[in-house]
C-alpha cells in the first residue's frame, strides 16, 4: 500500500492512549527548540482516524 501524505492541523491529530512512552518536559522543550530552529524533518504517522502511531513527542513539542 502506498503512503498518503497529508498536512493536518495539530488539533485533528489524536495521541494513542496506549502509547507506553513517556516524555519529560525537558525533552519536549529541547525538541520544541530544535523544531523552531530546523523545522520538522520527520513527519508523524497517523492512521485513517488520525490516531497518532509515531511522533508523540513531536506533537507535544509542536503544541508547546
N, C-alpha and C. Protein backbone atom coordinates (compact mmCIF):
# COMPACT_ATOMS: atom_id res chain seq x y z
N UNK A 1 0.84 -1.17 0.00
CA UNK A 1 0.00 0.00 0.00
C UNK A 1 0.89 1.24 0.00
N UNK A 2 0.58 2.21 -0.79
CA UNK A 2 1.35 3.45 -0.88
C UNK A 2 0.97 4.39 0.27
N UNK A 3 1.93 5.14 0.74
CA UNK A 3 1.68 6.12 1.78
C UNK A 3 0.96 7.31 1.19
N UNK A 4 0.13 7.91 1.98
CA UNK A 4 -0.58 9.13 1.59
C UNK A 4 -0.05 10.24 2.48
N UNK A 5 0.43 11.31 1.88
CA UNK A 5 0.97 12.43 2.65
C UNK A 5 -0.07 13.53 2.69
N UNK A 6 -0.43 13.93 3.92
CA UNK A 6 -1.40 15.00 4.12
C UNK A 6 -0.90 15.91 5.23
N UNK A 7 -1.24 17.17 5.13
CA UNK A 7 -0.98 18.12 6.21
C UNK A 7 -2.27 18.22 7.01
N UNK A 8 -2.16 18.01 8.33
CA UNK A 8 -3.33 18.08 9.19
C UNK A 8 -3.09 19.12 10.28
N UNK A 9 -4.13 19.85 10.67
CA UNK A 9 -3.99 20.72 11.83
C UNK A 9 -3.69 19.87 13.07
N UNK A 10 -2.85 20.40 13.95
CA UNK A 10 -2.41 19.64 15.11
C UNK A 10 -3.60 19.19 15.97
N UNK A 11 -4.68 19.97 16.00
CA UNK A 11 -5.83 19.60 16.83
C UNK A 11 -6.65 18.46 16.23
N UNK A 12 -6.34 18.04 15.01
CA UNK A 12 -7.02 16.89 14.41
C UNK A 12 -6.23 15.59 14.60
N UNK A 13 -5.05 15.68 15.21
CA UNK A 13 -4.22 14.50 15.44
C UNK A 13 -4.38 14.09 16.89
N UNK A 14 -4.80 12.85 17.10
CA UNK A 14 -5.10 12.36 18.45
C UNK A 14 -4.03 11.38 18.91
N UNK A 15 -3.45 11.62 20.09
CA UNK A 15 -2.43 10.69 20.59
C UNK A 15 -3.05 9.33 20.90
N UNK A 16 -2.29 8.30 20.74
CA UNK A 16 -2.74 6.95 21.07
C UNK A 16 -2.63 6.78 22.58
N UNK A 17 -3.74 6.56 23.27
CA UNK A 17 -3.68 6.42 24.73
C UNK A 17 -2.89 5.18 25.17
N UNK A 18 -2.65 4.25 24.26
CA UNK A 18 -1.88 3.04 24.60
C UNK A 18 -0.37 3.24 24.40
N UNK A 19 0.04 4.43 23.97
CA UNK A 19 1.46 4.69 23.76
C UNK A 19 2.19 4.56 25.10
N UNK A 20 3.15 3.65 25.21
CA UNK A 20 3.82 3.43 26.51
C UNK A 20 4.93 4.44 26.81
N UNK A 21 5.36 5.20 25.85
CA UNK A 21 6.50 6.11 26.06
C UNK A 21 6.08 7.37 26.80
N UNK A 22 6.93 7.75 27.73
CA UNK A 22 6.73 8.98 28.49
C UNK A 22 7.83 9.97 28.08
N UNK A 23 7.49 11.23 27.97
CA UNK A 23 8.44 12.25 27.55
C UNK A 23 8.51 13.34 28.61
N UNK A 24 9.67 13.46 29.28
CA UNK A 24 9.79 14.52 30.29
C UNK A 24 9.69 15.90 29.65
N UNK A 25 9.25 16.86 30.45
CA UNK A 25 9.06 18.23 29.97
C UNK A 25 10.35 18.80 29.38
N UNK A 26 11.49 18.45 29.97
CA UNK A 26 12.77 18.96 29.45
C UNK A 26 13.03 18.46 28.03
N UNK A 27 12.66 17.22 27.75
CA UNK A 27 12.84 16.67 26.41
C UNK A 27 11.93 17.39 25.41
N UNK A 28 10.69 17.66 25.81
CA UNK A 28 9.74 18.33 24.92
C UNK A 28 10.21 19.76 24.64
N UNK A 29 10.72 20.47 25.66
CA UNK A 29 11.22 21.82 25.45
C UNK A 29 12.41 21.82 24.50
N UNK A 30 13.33 20.86 24.68
CA UNK A 30 14.51 20.76 23.79
C UNK A 30 14.07 20.46 22.36
N UNK A 31 13.13 19.56 22.20
CA UNK A 31 12.63 19.22 20.87
C UNK A 31 11.93 20.42 20.24
N UNK A 32 11.17 21.17 21.02
CA UNK A 32 10.49 22.36 20.51
C UNK A 32 11.52 23.38 20.01
N UNK A 33 12.62 23.54 20.75
CA UNK A 33 13.69 24.45 20.32
C UNK A 33 14.29 23.99 18.99
N UNK A 34 14.54 22.70 18.88
CA UNK A 34 15.11 22.16 17.64
C UNK A 34 14.16 22.35 16.46
N UNK A 35 12.87 22.15 16.70
CA UNK A 35 11.88 22.32 15.63
C UNK A 35 11.83 23.78 15.19
N UNK A 36 11.90 24.72 16.15
CA UNK A 36 11.90 26.14 15.79
C UNK A 36 13.11 26.48 14.93
N UNK A 37 14.26 25.89 15.25
CA UNK A 37 15.49 26.18 14.52
C UNK A 37 15.58 25.48 13.17
N UNK A 38 15.15 24.22 13.11
CA UNK A 38 15.37 23.39 11.91
C UNK A 38 14.09 23.00 11.18
N UNK A 39 12.96 23.11 11.83
CA UNK A 39 11.71 22.64 11.26
C UNK A 39 11.51 21.16 11.55
N UNK A 40 10.39 20.64 11.15
CA UNK A 40 10.09 19.22 11.32
C UNK A 40 10.66 18.49 10.12
N UNK A 41 11.56 17.57 10.39
CA UNK A 41 12.19 16.83 9.30
C UNK A 41 11.49 15.50 9.06
N UNK A 42 11.07 14.85 10.13
CA UNK A 42 10.39 13.56 10.03
C UNK A 42 8.93 13.77 10.45
N UNK A 43 7.99 13.51 9.56
CA UNK A 43 6.58 13.74 9.91
C UNK A 43 6.06 12.67 10.87
N UNK A 44 4.98 12.99 11.54
CA UNK A 44 4.30 12.00 12.36
C UNK A 44 3.55 11.04 11.45
N UNK A 45 3.17 9.91 12.01
CA UNK A 45 2.42 8.89 11.26
C UNK A 45 1.09 8.69 11.96
N UNK A 46 0.00 8.83 11.20
CA UNK A 46 -1.34 8.64 11.75
C UNK A 46 -2.08 7.58 10.94
N UNK A 47 -3.10 7.00 11.56
CA UNK A 47 -3.93 6.05 10.83
C UNK A 47 -5.09 6.80 10.18
N UNK A 48 -6.03 6.09 9.60
CA UNK A 48 -7.14 6.70 8.87
C UNK A 48 -8.03 7.56 9.76
N UNK A 49 -8.03 7.28 11.07
CA UNK A 49 -8.84 8.04 12.02
C UNK A 49 -8.05 9.17 12.67
N UNK A 50 -6.86 9.45 12.15
CA UNK A 50 -5.95 10.49 12.66
C UNK A 50 -5.40 10.15 14.05
N UNK A 51 -5.37 8.85 14.40
CA UNK A 51 -4.75 8.41 15.64
C UNK A 51 -3.25 8.34 15.39
N UNK A 52 -2.49 8.98 16.26
CA UNK A 52 -1.05 9.06 16.10
C UNK A 52 -0.41 7.70 16.38
N UNK A 53 0.36 7.22 15.42
CA UNK A 53 1.07 5.95 15.56
C UNK A 53 2.54 6.18 15.90
N UNK A 54 3.10 7.27 15.40
CA UNK A 54 4.51 7.61 15.66
C UNK A 54 4.63 9.12 15.64
N UNK A 55 5.32 9.67 16.64
CA UNK A 55 5.54 11.12 16.68
C UNK A 55 4.88 11.80 17.86
N UNK A 56 4.66 11.07 18.94
CA UNK A 56 4.01 11.65 20.10
C UNK A 56 4.80 12.83 20.69
N UNK A 57 6.12 12.68 20.80
CA UNK A 57 6.95 13.77 21.35
C UNK A 57 6.93 14.98 20.42
N UNK A 58 6.99 14.74 19.11
CA UNK A 58 6.94 15.85 18.16
C UNK A 58 5.62 16.59 18.27
N UNK A 59 4.53 15.88 18.46
CA UNK A 59 3.22 16.51 18.62
C UNK A 59 3.22 17.41 19.84
N UNK A 60 3.72 16.91 20.96
CA UNK A 60 3.77 17.72 22.18
C UNK A 60 4.66 18.94 21.98
N UNK A 61 5.78 18.78 21.31
CA UNK A 61 6.68 19.90 21.06
C UNK A 61 6.02 20.94 20.16
N UNK A 62 5.26 20.51 19.17
CA UNK A 62 4.59 21.44 18.27
C UNK A 62 3.49 22.21 19.01
N UNK A 63 2.83 21.55 19.94
CA UNK A 63 1.80 22.23 20.73
C UNK A 63 2.45 23.29 21.61
N UNK A 64 3.62 22.95 22.16
CA UNK A 64 4.34 23.90 23.01
C UNK A 64 4.79 25.09 22.20
